[in-house]
Amino acid sequence: MRIKAGARRATTALLVACLAMPATLWAQAGAVDEDPSAGAMIGDFFVARPIGLALTLGGTALWVVSLPFTLLAGHANEAAETLMVGPGEMTFMRCLGCRNPGYTDRDIELKKKQDAAAKADVASN
């Protein structure tokens, strides 16, 4: 029974973390120019990402617990940035093995090509 309750709590915390991240987190202005090695990618996948996920989930739990107090003080946005968005950005918004969050030049070029193709498709219809 305890395992199911714990799994339910973890799932709920992950869902809250994903829904609470603002849309601006996904849009980055600058491109990241990094070329990580295979060792950096492996270390990132097995060490840094799980730690980042744990920090994101823990920060989300702390933010939810502190929400009544931060709302009264008027600092809920700063608490969310520090406890959820920062760790979430470092966990989910960087390439595998990269140190800085953001999209790579290849991602930006692919997005431009997709947008151009979509505009051409709309114009032809």
N, C-alpha and C. Protein backbone atom coordinates (compact mmCIF):
# COMPACT_ATOMS: atom_id res chain seq x y z
N MET A 1 0.81 -1.20 0.00
CA MET A 1 0.00 0.00 0.00
C MET A 1 0.85 1.27 0.00
N ARG A 2 1.96 1.23 0.77
CA ARG A 2 2.80 2.41 0.87
C ARG A 2 3.50 2.70 -0.46
N ILE A 3 3.86 1.67 -1.18
CA ILE A 3 4.55 1.87 -2.45
C ILE A 3 3.62 2.54 -3.45
N LYS A 4 2.37 2.11 -3.50
CA LYS A 4 1.42 2.72 -4.43
C LYS A 4 1.19 4.19 -4.08
N ALA A 5 1.08 4.49 -2.79
CA ALA A 5 0.86 5.88 -2.38
C ALA A 5 2.08 6.73 -2.73
N GLY A 6 3.28 6.19 -2.54
CA GLY A 6 4.50 6.93 -2.88
C GLY A 6 4.61 7.16 -4.38
N ALA A 7 4.26 6.14 -5.16
CA ALA A 7 4.30 6.28 -6.62
C ALA A 7 3.28 7.31 -7.08
N ARG A 8 2.12 7.30 -6.45
CA ARG A 8 1.10 8.27 -6.81
C ARG A 8 1.56 9.69 -6.49
N ARG A 9 2.21 9.86 -5.35
CA ARG A 9 2.72 11.18 -4.98
C ARG A 9 3.80 11.64 -5.94
N ALA A 10 4.71 10.73 -6.30
CA ALA A 10 5.78 11.10 -7.22
C ALA A 10 5.22 11.46 -8.59
N THR A 11 4.24 10.72 -9.05
CA THR A 11 3.61 11.02 -10.34
C THR A 11 2.91 12.37 -10.29
N THR A 12 2.22 12.63 -9.21
CA THR A 12 1.54 13.92 -9.06
C THR A 12 2.54 15.07 -9.02
N ALA A 13 3.65 14.88 -8.30
CA ALA A 13 4.66 15.93 -8.22
C ALA A 13 5.28 16.19 -9.59
N LEU A 14 5.54 15.14 -10.36
CA LEU A 14 6.09 15.31 -11.70
C LEU A 14 5.11 16.04 -12.60
N LEU A 15 3.84 15.69 -12.51
CA LEU A 15 2.82 16.36 -13.31
C LEU A 15 2.72 17.84 -12.95
N VAL A 16 2.75 18.15 -11.66
CA VAL A 16 2.69 19.55 -11.23
C VAL A 16 3.91 20.30 -11.74
N ALA A 17 5.08 19.65 -11.68
CA ALA A 17 6.31 20.32 -12.16
C ALA A 17 6.22 20.62 -13.64
N CYS A 18 5.72 19.68 -14.41
CA CYS A 18 5.62 19.90 -15.86
C CYS A 18 4.58 20.97 -16.20
N LEU A 19 3.50 21.00 -15.47
CA LEU A 19 2.45 21.99 -15.75
C LEU A 19 2.80 23.37 -15.24
N ALA A 20 3.63 23.43 -14.21
CA ALA A 20 3.94 24.72 -13.59
C ALA A 20 5.02 25.49 -14.34
N MET A 21 5.79 24.80 -15.17
CA MET A 21 6.84 25.50 -15.91
C MET A 21 6.22 26.42 -16.96
N PRO A 22 6.63 27.67 -16.96
CA PRO A 22 6.03 28.60 -17.93
C PRO A 22 6.47 28.30 -19.35
N ALA A 23 5.69 28.76 -20.29
CA ALA A 23 5.99 28.52 -21.70
C ALA A 23 7.27 29.22 -22.13
N THR A 24 7.64 30.28 -21.44
CA THR A 24 8.86 30.98 -21.81
C THR A 24 10.10 30.16 -21.54
N LEU A 25 9.99 29.14 -20.72
CA LEU A 25 11.12 28.27 -20.45
C LEU A 25 11.55 27.54 -21.71
N TRP A 26 10.61 27.24 -22.59
CA TRP A 26 10.91 26.45 -23.78
C TRP A 26 11.48 27.29 -24.92
N ALA A 27 11.39 28.60 -24.85
CA ALA A 27 11.89 29.46 -25.93
C ALA A 27 13.19 30.11 -25.48
N GLN A 28 14.25 29.84 -26.17
CA GLN A 28 15.54 30.41 -25.86
C GLN A 28 15.97 31.31 -27.01
N ALA A 29 16.52 32.46 -26.70
CA ALA A 29 16.93 33.40 -27.73
C ALA A 29 18.26 32.99 -28.36
N GLY A 30 19.24 32.63 -27.55
CA GLY A 30 20.56 32.33 -28.08
C GLY A 30 20.76 30.84 -28.27
N ALA A 31 21.66 30.50 -29.16
CA ALA A 31 21.97 29.10 -29.42
C ALA A 31 23.18 28.67 -28.59
N VAL A 32 23.21 27.41 -28.25
CA VAL A 32 24.31 26.83 -27.50
C VAL A 32 25.25 26.15 -28.48
N ASP A 33 26.51 26.52 -28.45
CA ASP A 33 27.50 25.93 -29.34
C ASP A 33 28.44 25.07 -28.52
N GLU A 34 28.04 23.85 -28.26
CA GLU A 34 28.85 22.91 -27.52
C GLU A 34 28.92 21.60 -28.29
N ASP A 35 30.03 20.91 -28.16
CA ASP A 35 30.21 19.61 -28.79
C ASP A 35 30.70 18.64 -27.72
N PRO A 36 29.79 18.08 -26.91
CA PRO A 36 30.21 17.23 -25.79
C PRO A 36 30.76 15.88 -26.27
N SER A 37 31.64 15.32 -25.45
CA SER A 37 32.21 14.01 -25.76
C SER A 37 31.23 12.91 -25.33
N ALA A 38 31.53 11.68 -25.72
CA ALA A 38 30.69 10.54 -25.33
C ALA A 38 30.70 10.35 -23.82
N GLY A 39 31.85 10.55 -23.20
CA GLY A 39 31.94 10.43 -21.74
C GLY A 39 31.08 11.46 -21.03
N ALA A 40 31.08 12.67 -21.56
CA ALA A 40 30.25 13.72 -20.96
C ALA A 40 28.76 13.38 -21.11
N MET A 41 28.39 12.81 -22.25
CA MET A 41 26.99 12.42 -22.46
C MET A 41 26.58 11.30 -21.51
N ILE A 42 27.43 10.32 -21.34
CA ILE A 42 27.12 9.20 -20.44
C ILE A 42 27.02 9.69 -19.00
N GLY A 43 27.98 10.51 -18.58
CA GLY A 43 27.92 11.05 -17.22
C GLY A 43 26.70 11.92 -16.99
N ASP A 44 26.35 12.70 -18.00
CA ASP A 44 25.16 13.55 -17.90
C ASP A 44 23.90 12.70 -17.76
N PHE A 45 23.81 11.65 -18.58
CA PHE A 45 22.61 10.81 -18.57
C PHE A 45 22.44 10.06 -17.25
N PHE A 46 23.54 9.50 -16.73
CA PHE A 46 23.43 8.64 -15.54
C PHE A 46 23.60 9.38 -14.23
N VAL A 47 24.20 10.57 -14.23
CA VAL A 47 24.44 11.28 -12.97
C VAL A 47 23.69 12.61 -12.91
N ALA A 48 23.97 13.49 -13.85
CA ALA A 48 23.45 14.86 -13.75
C ALA A 48 21.94 14.93 -13.96
N ARG A 49 21.41 14.19 -14.93
CA ARG A 49 19.96 14.26 -15.19
C ARG A 49 19.13 13.70 -14.03
N PRO A 50 19.50 12.54 -13.46
CA PRO A 50 18.72 12.08 -12.29
C PRO A 50 18.79 13.04 -11.11
N ILE A 51 19.96 13.63 -10.89
CA ILE A 51 20.08 14.61 -9.80
C ILE A 51 19.21 15.83 -10.11
N GLY A 52 19.25 16.29 -11.35
CA GLY A 52 18.42 17.43 -11.74
C GLY A 52 16.94 17.13 -11.60
N LEU A 53 16.53 15.92 -11.97
CA LEU A 53 15.13 15.53 -11.82
C LEU A 53 14.73 15.51 -10.36
N ALA A 54 15.60 14.96 -9.50
CA ALA A 54 15.31 14.94 -8.06
C ALA A 54 15.22 16.37 -7.51
N LEU A 55 16.11 17.25 -7.95
CA LEU A 55 16.06 18.65 -7.49
C LEU A 55 14.79 19.35 -7.98
N THR A 56 14.39 19.05 -9.21
CA THR A 56 13.17 19.65 -9.74
C THR A 56 11.94 19.19 -8.96
N LEU A 57 11.87 17.88 -8.71
CA LEU A 57 10.72 17.35 -7.96
C LEU A 57 10.73 17.83 -6.52
N GLY A 58 11.91 17.84 -5.90
CA GLY A 58 12.00 18.33 -4.52
C GLY A 58 11.67 19.82 -4.43
N GLY A 59 12.16 20.59 -5.40
CA GLY A 59 11.85 22.02 -5.43
C GLY A 59 10.37 22.28 -5.64
N THR A 60 9.73 21.44 -6.47
CA THR A 60 8.29 21.58 -6.68
C THR A 60 7.53 21.30 -5.40
N ALA A 61 7.94 20.26 -4.69
CA ALA A 61 7.28 19.93 -3.41
C ALA A 61 7.47 21.08 -2.41
N LEU A 62 8.68 21.61 -2.33
CA LEU A 62 8.92 22.75 -1.43
C LEU A 62 8.12 23.97 -1.84
N TRP A 63 8.00 24.20 -3.13
CA TRP A 63 7.24 25.36 -3.61
C TRP A 63 5.77 25.22 -3.23
N VAL A 64 5.22 24.01 -3.40
CA VAL A 64 3.81 23.79 -3.06
C VAL A 64 3.59 24.00 -1.56
N VAL A 65 4.51 23.49 -0.74
CA VAL A 65 4.38 23.65 0.71
C VAL A 65 4.50 25.11 1.11
N SER A 66 5.41 25.83 0.48
CA SER A 66 5.63 27.24 0.86
C SER A 66 4.69 28.21 0.15
N LEU A 67 3.85 27.71 -0.74
CA LEU A 67 2.99 28.59 -1.54
C LEU A 67 2.11 29.53 -0.72
N PRO A 68 1.44 29.07 0.33
CA PRO A 68 0.62 30.02 1.09
C PRO A 68 1.42 31.20 1.65
N PHE A 69 2.63 30.92 2.10
CA PHE A 69 3.46 31.97 2.69
C PHE A 69 4.03 32.90 1.63
N THR A 70 4.45 32.33 0.50
CA THR A 70 5.02 33.17 -0.55
C THR A 70 3.94 34.01 -1.23
N LEU A 71 2.71 33.49 -1.29
CA LEU A 71 1.61 34.29 -1.83
C LEU A 71 1.30 35.48 -0.93
N LEU A 72 1.31 35.24 0.38
CA LEU A 72 1.07 36.34 1.32
C LEU A 72 2.18 37.39 1.23
N ALA A 73 3.40 36.95 1.02
CA ALA A 73 4.52 37.88 0.93
C ALA A 73 4.64 38.49 -0.46
N GLY A 74 3.98 37.89 -1.45
CA GLY A 74 4.03 38.42 -2.81
C GLY A 74 5.26 37.98 -3.59
N HIS A 75 5.86 36.87 -3.21
CA HIS A 75 7.07 36.41 -3.87
C HIS A 75 6.93 34.99 -4.42
N ALA A 76 5.75 34.61 -4.84
CA ALA A 76 5.54 33.25 -5.36
C ALA A 76 6.29 33.04 -6.66
N ASN A 77 6.37 34.06 -7.51
CA ASN A 77 7.08 33.91 -8.79
C ASN A 77 8.57 33.70 -8.58
N GLU A 78 9.18 34.44 -7.65
CA GLU A 78 10.61 34.25 -7.39
C GLU A 78 10.87 32.87 -6.81
N ALA A 79 9.99 32.40 -5.92
CA ALA A 79 10.16 31.06 -5.36
C ALA A 79 10.03 30.00 -6.44
N ALA A 80 9.09 30.18 -7.36
CA ALA A 80 8.92 29.22 -8.46
C ALA A 80 10.14 29.21 -9.36
N GLU A 81 10.69 30.39 -9.67
CA GLU A 81 11.89 30.47 -10.50
C GLU A 81 13.06 29.73 -9.86
N THR A 82 13.25 29.95 -8.57
CA THR A 82 14.39 29.37 -7.87
C THR A 82 14.22 27.88 -7.63
N LEU A 83 13.03 27.47 -7.19
CA LEU A 83 12.84 26.08 -6.78
C LEU A 83 12.46 25.14 -7.91
N MET A 84 11.78 25.63 -8.94
CA MET A 84 11.29 24.73 -10.00
C MET A 84 11.90 25.02 -11.36
N VAL A 85 11.84 26.25 -11.79
CA VAL A 85 12.23 26.58 -13.16
C VAL A 85 13.73 26.43 -13.37
N GLY A 86 14.54 26.90 -12.43
CA GLY A 86 15.99 26.78 -12.56
C GLY A 86 16.45 25.33 -12.69
N PRO A 87 16.10 24.47 -11.72
CA PRO A 87 16.49 23.06 -11.86
C PRO A 87 15.84 22.38 -13.07
N GLY A 88 14.61 22.75 -13.39
CA GLY A 88 13.95 22.16 -14.56
C GLY A 88 14.63 22.55 -15.85
N GLU A 89 15.09 23.78 -15.94
CA GLU A 89 15.80 24.24 -17.13
C GLU A 89 17.12 23.50 -17.29
N MET A 90 17.85 23.32 -16.20
CA MET A 90 19.12 22.62 -16.28
C MET A 90 18.93 21.13 -16.54
N THR A 91 17.78 20.58 -16.21
CA THR A 91 17.52 19.16 -16.43
C THR A 91 16.98 18.90 -17.83
N PHE A 92 16.05 19.71 -18.30
CA PHE A 92 15.32 19.40 -19.53
C PHE A 92 15.65 20.29 -20.71
N MET A 93 16.36 21.39 -20.52
CA MET A 93 16.56 22.35 -21.60
C MET A 93 18.00 22.43 -22.09
N ARG A 94 18.73 21.34 -22.03
CA ARG A 94 20.08 21.36 -22.57
C ARG A 94 20.35 20.02 -23.24
N CYS A 95 21.25 20.07 -24.22
CA CYS A 95 21.56 18.83 -24.93
C CYS A 95 22.33 17.89 -24.01
N LEU A 96 22.31 16.64 -24.34
CA LEU A 96 22.96 15.62 -23.53
C LEU A 96 24.47 15.86 -23.51
N GLY A 97 25.01 16.11 -22.34
CA GLY A 97 26.43 16.38 -22.19
C GLY A 97 26.79 17.85 -22.19
N CYS A 98 25.86 18.72 -22.58
CA CYS A 98 26.13 20.16 -22.60
C CYS A 98 26.06 20.72 -21.18
N ARG A 99 26.73 21.82 -20.98
CA ARG A 99 26.73 22.47 -19.66
C ARG A 99 25.75 23.62 -19.57
N ASN A 100 25.41 24.22 -20.70
CA ASN A 100 24.52 25.39 -20.71
C ASN A 100 23.18 25.02 -21.31
N PRO A 101 22.09 25.51 -20.73
CA PRO A 101 20.77 25.24 -21.31
C PRO A 101 20.55 26.04 -22.58
N GLY A 102 19.72 25.53 -23.44
CA GLY A 102 19.38 26.23 -24.68
C GLY A 102 19.39 25.27 -25.85
N TYR A 103 18.95 25.77 -26.98
CA TYR A 103 18.92 24.98 -28.19
C TYR A 103 20.23 25.12 -28.94
N THR A 104 20.61 24.09 -29.68
CA THR A 104 21.82 24.17 -30.49
C THR A 104 21.49 24.84 -31.82
N ASP A 105 22.52 25.19 -32.55
CA ASP A 105 22.31 25.81 -33.87
C ASP A 105 21.54 24.86 -34.80
N ARG A 106 21.82 23.57 -34.69
CA ARG A 106 21.12 22.60 -35.54
C ARG A 106 19.62 22.59 -35.26
N ASP A 107 19.25 22.71 -33.98
CA ASP A 107 17.82 22.75 -33.64
C ASP A 107 17.15 23.99 -34.21
N ILE A 108 17.84 25.11 -34.17
CA ILE A 108 17.27 26.36 -34.68
C ILE A 108 17.10 26.28 -36.19
N GLU A 109 18.10 25.75 -36.88
CA GLU A 109 18.00 25.61 -38.34
C GLU A 109 16.87 24.66 -38.73
N LEU A 110 16.72 23.55 -38.00
CA LEU A 110 15.64 22.61 -38.27
C LEU A 110 14.28 23.27 -38.07
N LYS A 111 14.14 24.06 -37.03
CA LYS A 111 12.89 24.76 -36.75
C LYS A 111 12.57 25.76 -37.87
N LYS A 112 13.59 26.47 -38.36
CA LYS A 112 13.37 27.42 -39.45
C LYS A 112 12.90 26.70 -40.72
N LYS A 113 13.50 25.54 -41.02
CA LYS A 113 13.10 24.77 -42.19
C LYS A 113 11.66 24.27 -42.05
N GLN A 114 11.30 23.81 -40.85
CA GLN A 114 9.94 23.33 -40.63
C GLN A 114 8.93 24.46 -40.76
N ASP A 115 9.27 25.63 -40.23
CA ASP A 115 8.38 26.78 -40.35
C ASP A 115 8.21 27.21 -41.79
N ALA A 116 9.30 27.23 -42.56
CA ALA A 116 9.24 27.60 -43.97
C ALA A 116 8.39 26.61 -44.76
N ALA A 117 8.54 25.31 -44.46
CA ALA A 117 7.76 24.29 -45.15
C ALA A 117 6.28 24.41 -44.82
N ALA A 118 5.98 24.74 -43.56
CA ALA A 118 4.59 24.91 -43.16
C ALA A 118 3.96 26.12 -43.84
N LYS A 119 4.71 27.21 -43.96
CA LYS A 119 4.21 28.41 -44.64
C LYS A 119 3.98 28.14 -46.12
N ALA A 120 4.88 27.40 -46.74
CA ALA A 120 4.73 27.04 -48.17
C ALA A 120 3.52 26.15 -48.37
N ASP A 121 3.27 25.25 -47.43
CA ASP A 121 2.13 24.35 -47.52
C ASP A 121 0.81 25.13 -47.39
N VAL A 122 0.79 26.09 -46.46
CA VAL A 122 -0.41 26.91 -46.27
C VAL A 122 -0.65 27.79 -47.49
N ALA A 123 0.44 28.34 -48.04
CA ALA A 123 0.30 29.21 -49.22
C ALA A 123 -0.18 28.45 -50.45
N SER A 124 0.19 27.18 -50.56
CA SER A 124 -0.21 26.41 -51.73
C SER A 124 -1.67 25.94 -51.64
N ASN A 125 -2.21 25.93 -50.44
CA ASN A 125 -3.63 25.51 -50.28
C ASN A 125 -4.51 26.67 -50.35
